[in-house]
């Protein structure tokens, strides 16, 4: 019984610990807070952090920065468009 359960436990542990590999591709007419984010793709190496404000942010706009792990992060400080 233990010989059957050990490989099953190892397989279950391996499947739980592996991270999910996903890529998000925005198609046409994608809006975030009223701003156009159409035709952009993001994955674990190219990420986005979008901050939406009700008032004008102190640093408006988007910039690409290094994330320190070999990837890039698009950081956006945007005012909500109503």
C-alpha atoms as a PDB file:
ATOM      1  CA  UNK A   1       0.000   0.000   0.000  1.00  0.00           C
ATOM      2  CA  UNK A   2       2.843   2.395   0.870  1.00  0.00           C
ATOM      3  CA  UNK A   3       4.552   1.636  -2.459  1.00  0.00           C
ATOM      4  CA  UNK A   4       1.425   2.869  -4.266  1.00  0.00           C
ATOM      5  CA  UNK A   5       0.876   5.945  -2.102  1.00  0.00           C
ATOM      6  CA  UNK A   6       4.467   7.289  -2.267  1.00  0.00           C
ATOM      7  CA  UNK A   7       4.570   7.928  -6.059  1.00  0.00           C
ATOM      8  CA  UNK A   8       1.081   9.433  -5.885  1.00  0.00           C
ATOM      9  CA  UNK A   9       2.160  11.804  -3.085  1.00  0.00           C
ATOM     10  CA  UNK A  10       5.299  12.835  -4.997  1.00  0.00           C
ATOM     11  CA  UNK A  11       3.283  13.508  -8.154  1.00  0.00           C
ATOM     12  CA  UNK A  12       0.705  15.529  -6.216  1.00  0.00           C
ATOM     13  CA  UNK A  13       3.418  17.593  -4.479  1.00  0.00           C
ATOM     14  CA  UNK A  14       5.129  18.300  -7.812  1.00  0.00           C
ATOM     15  CA  UNK A  15       1.904  19.413  -9.448  1.00  0.00           C
ATOM     16  CA  UNK A  16       1.023  21.750  -6.567  1.00  0.00           C
ATOM     17  CA  UNK A  17       4.454  23.394  -6.298  1.00  0.00           C
ATOM     18  CA  UNK A  18       4.952  24.237  -9.989  1.00  0.00           C
ATOM     19  CA  UNK A  19       3.935  27.804 -10.833  1.00  0.00           C
ATOM     20  CA  UNK A  20       1.335  28.470 -13.469  1.00  0.00           C
ATOM     21  CA  UNK A  21       2.697  29.777 -16.745  1.00  0.00           C
ATOM     22  CA  UNK A  22       0.251  32.259 -18.210  1.00  0.00           C
ATOM     23  CA  UNK A  23       0.266  35.092 -20.678  1.00  0.00           C
ATOM     24  CA  UNK A  24      -2.419  37.721 -20.875  1.00  0.00           C
ATOM     25  CA  UNK A  25      -3.064  39.231 -24.286  1.00  0.00           C
ATOM     26  CA  UNK A  26      -5.419  42.145 -24.443  1.00  0.00           C
ATOM     27  CA  UNK A  27      -7.381  42.338 -27.669  1.00  0.00           C
ATOM     28  CA  UNK A  28      -9.220  45.222 -29.232  1.00  0.00           C
ATOM     29  CA  UNK A  29     -11.078  47.875 -27.250  1.00  0.00           C
ATOM     30  CA  UNK A  30      -9.619  47.073 -23.815  1.00  0.00           C
ATOM     31  CA  UNK A  31      -9.956  49.941 -21.347  1.00  0.00           C
ATOM     32  CA  UNK A  32      -8.571  50.207 -17.801  1.00  0.00           C
ATOM     33  CA  UNK A  33      -9.955  53.197 -15.945  1.00  0.00           C
ATOM     34  CA  UNK A  34     -10.968  54.652 -19.295  1.00  0.00           C
ATOM     35  CA  UNK A  35      -7.435  54.403 -20.749  1.00  0.00           C
ATOM     36  CA  UNK A  36      -6.688  52.295 -23.823  1.00  0.00           C
ATOM     37  CA  UNK A  37      -4.631  49.135 -23.167  1.00  0.00           C
ATOM     38  CA  UNK A  38      -5.513  47.388 -26.435  1.00  0.00           C
ATOM     39  CA  UNK A  39      -3.128  44.953 -28.152  1.00  0.00           C
ATOM     40  CA  UNK A  40      -0.685  44.578 -25.262  1.00  0.00           C
ATOM     41  CA  UNK A  41       0.547  41.298 -23.807  1.00  0.00           C
ATOM     42  CA  UNK A  42       1.940  40.594 -20.346  1.00  0.00           C
ATOM     43  CA  UNK A  43       3.547  37.516 -18.799  1.00  0.00           C
ATOM     44  CA  UNK A  44       5.908  36.859 -15.879  1.00  0.00           C
ATOM     45  CA  UNK A  45       8.788  38.694 -17.599  1.00  0.00           C
ATOM     46  CA  UNK A  46       6.715  41.650 -18.835  1.00  0.00           C
ATOM     47  CA  UNK A  47       4.294  42.747 -16.140  1.00  0.00           C
ATOM     48  CA  UNK A  48       2.097  45.768 -15.522  1.00  0.00           C
ATOM     49  CA  UNK A  49       1.144  47.651 -12.366  1.00  0.00           C
ATOM     50  CA  UNK A  50      -1.639  50.146 -12.991  1.00  0.00           C
ATOM     51  CA  UNK A  51      -2.646  52.686 -10.357  1.00  0.00           C
ATOM     52  CA  UNK A  52      -5.942  54.497 -11.019  1.00  0.00           C
ATOM     53  CA  UNK A  53      -6.591  57.804  -9.219  1.00  0.00           C
ATOM     54  CA  UNK A  54      -9.712  59.959  -8.903  1.00  0.00           C
ATOM     55  CA  UNK A  55      -7.537  63.088  -8.980  1.00  0.00           C
ATOM     56  CA  UNK A  56      -4.430  63.899 -11.010  1.00  0.00           C
ATOM     57  CA  UNK A  57      -1.524  61.743  -9.742  1.00  0.00           C
ATOM     58  CA  UNK A  58       1.777  63.322  -8.774  1.00  0.00           C
ATOM     59  CA  UNK A  59       3.610  61.334 -11.481  1.00  0.00           C
ATOM     60  CA  UNK A  60       1.125  60.815 -14.332  1.00  0.00           C
ATOM     61  CA  UNK A  61       1.875  58.452 -17.204  1.00  0.00           C
ATOM     62  CA  UNK A  62       3.530  55.077 -17.737  1.00  0.00           C
ATOM     63  CA  UNK A  63       7.196  54.053 -17.502  1.00  0.00           C
ATOM     64  CA  UNK A  64       9.021  50.748 -17.985  1.00  0.00           C
ATOM     65  CA  UNK A  65      11.285  49.736 -15.087  1.00  0.00           C
ATOM     66  CA  UNK A  66      13.415  46.714 -14.305  1.00  0.00           C
ATOM     67  CA  UNK A  67      11.928  44.373 -11.710  1.00  0.00           C
ATOM     68  CA  UNK A  68      15.300  43.076 -10.457  1.00  0.00           C
ATOM     69  CA  UNK A  69      14.592  39.515 -11.632  1.00  0.00           C
ATOM     70  CA  UNK A  70      15.451  39.912 -15.316  1.00  0.00           C
ATOM     71  CA  UNK A  71      12.060  41.243 -16.377  1.00  0.00           C
ATOM     72  CA  UNK A  72      10.322  44.545 -16.940  1.00  0.00           C
ATOM     73  CA  UNK A  73       7.395  46.187 -15.188  1.00  0.00           C
ATOM     74  CA  UNK A  74       5.180  48.805 -16.809  1.00  0.00           C
ATOM     75  CA  UNK A  75       4.167  51.153 -13.983  1.00  0.00           C
ATOM     76  CA  UNK A  76       1.249  53.450 -14.779  1.00  0.00           C
ATOM     77  CA  UNK A  77      -0.180  56.257 -12.674  1.00  0.00           C
ATOM     78  CA  UNK A  78      -3.385  57.297 -14.429  1.00  0.00           C
ATOM     79  CA  UNK A  79      -6.377  59.470 -13.675  1.00  0.00           C
ATOM     80  CA  UNK A  80      -9.746  57.785 -14.076  1.00  0.00           C
ATOM     81  CA  UNK A  81     -11.607  58.923 -17.187  1.00  0.00           C
ATOM     82  CA  UNK A  82     -15.340  59.016 -16.558  1.00  0.00           C
END
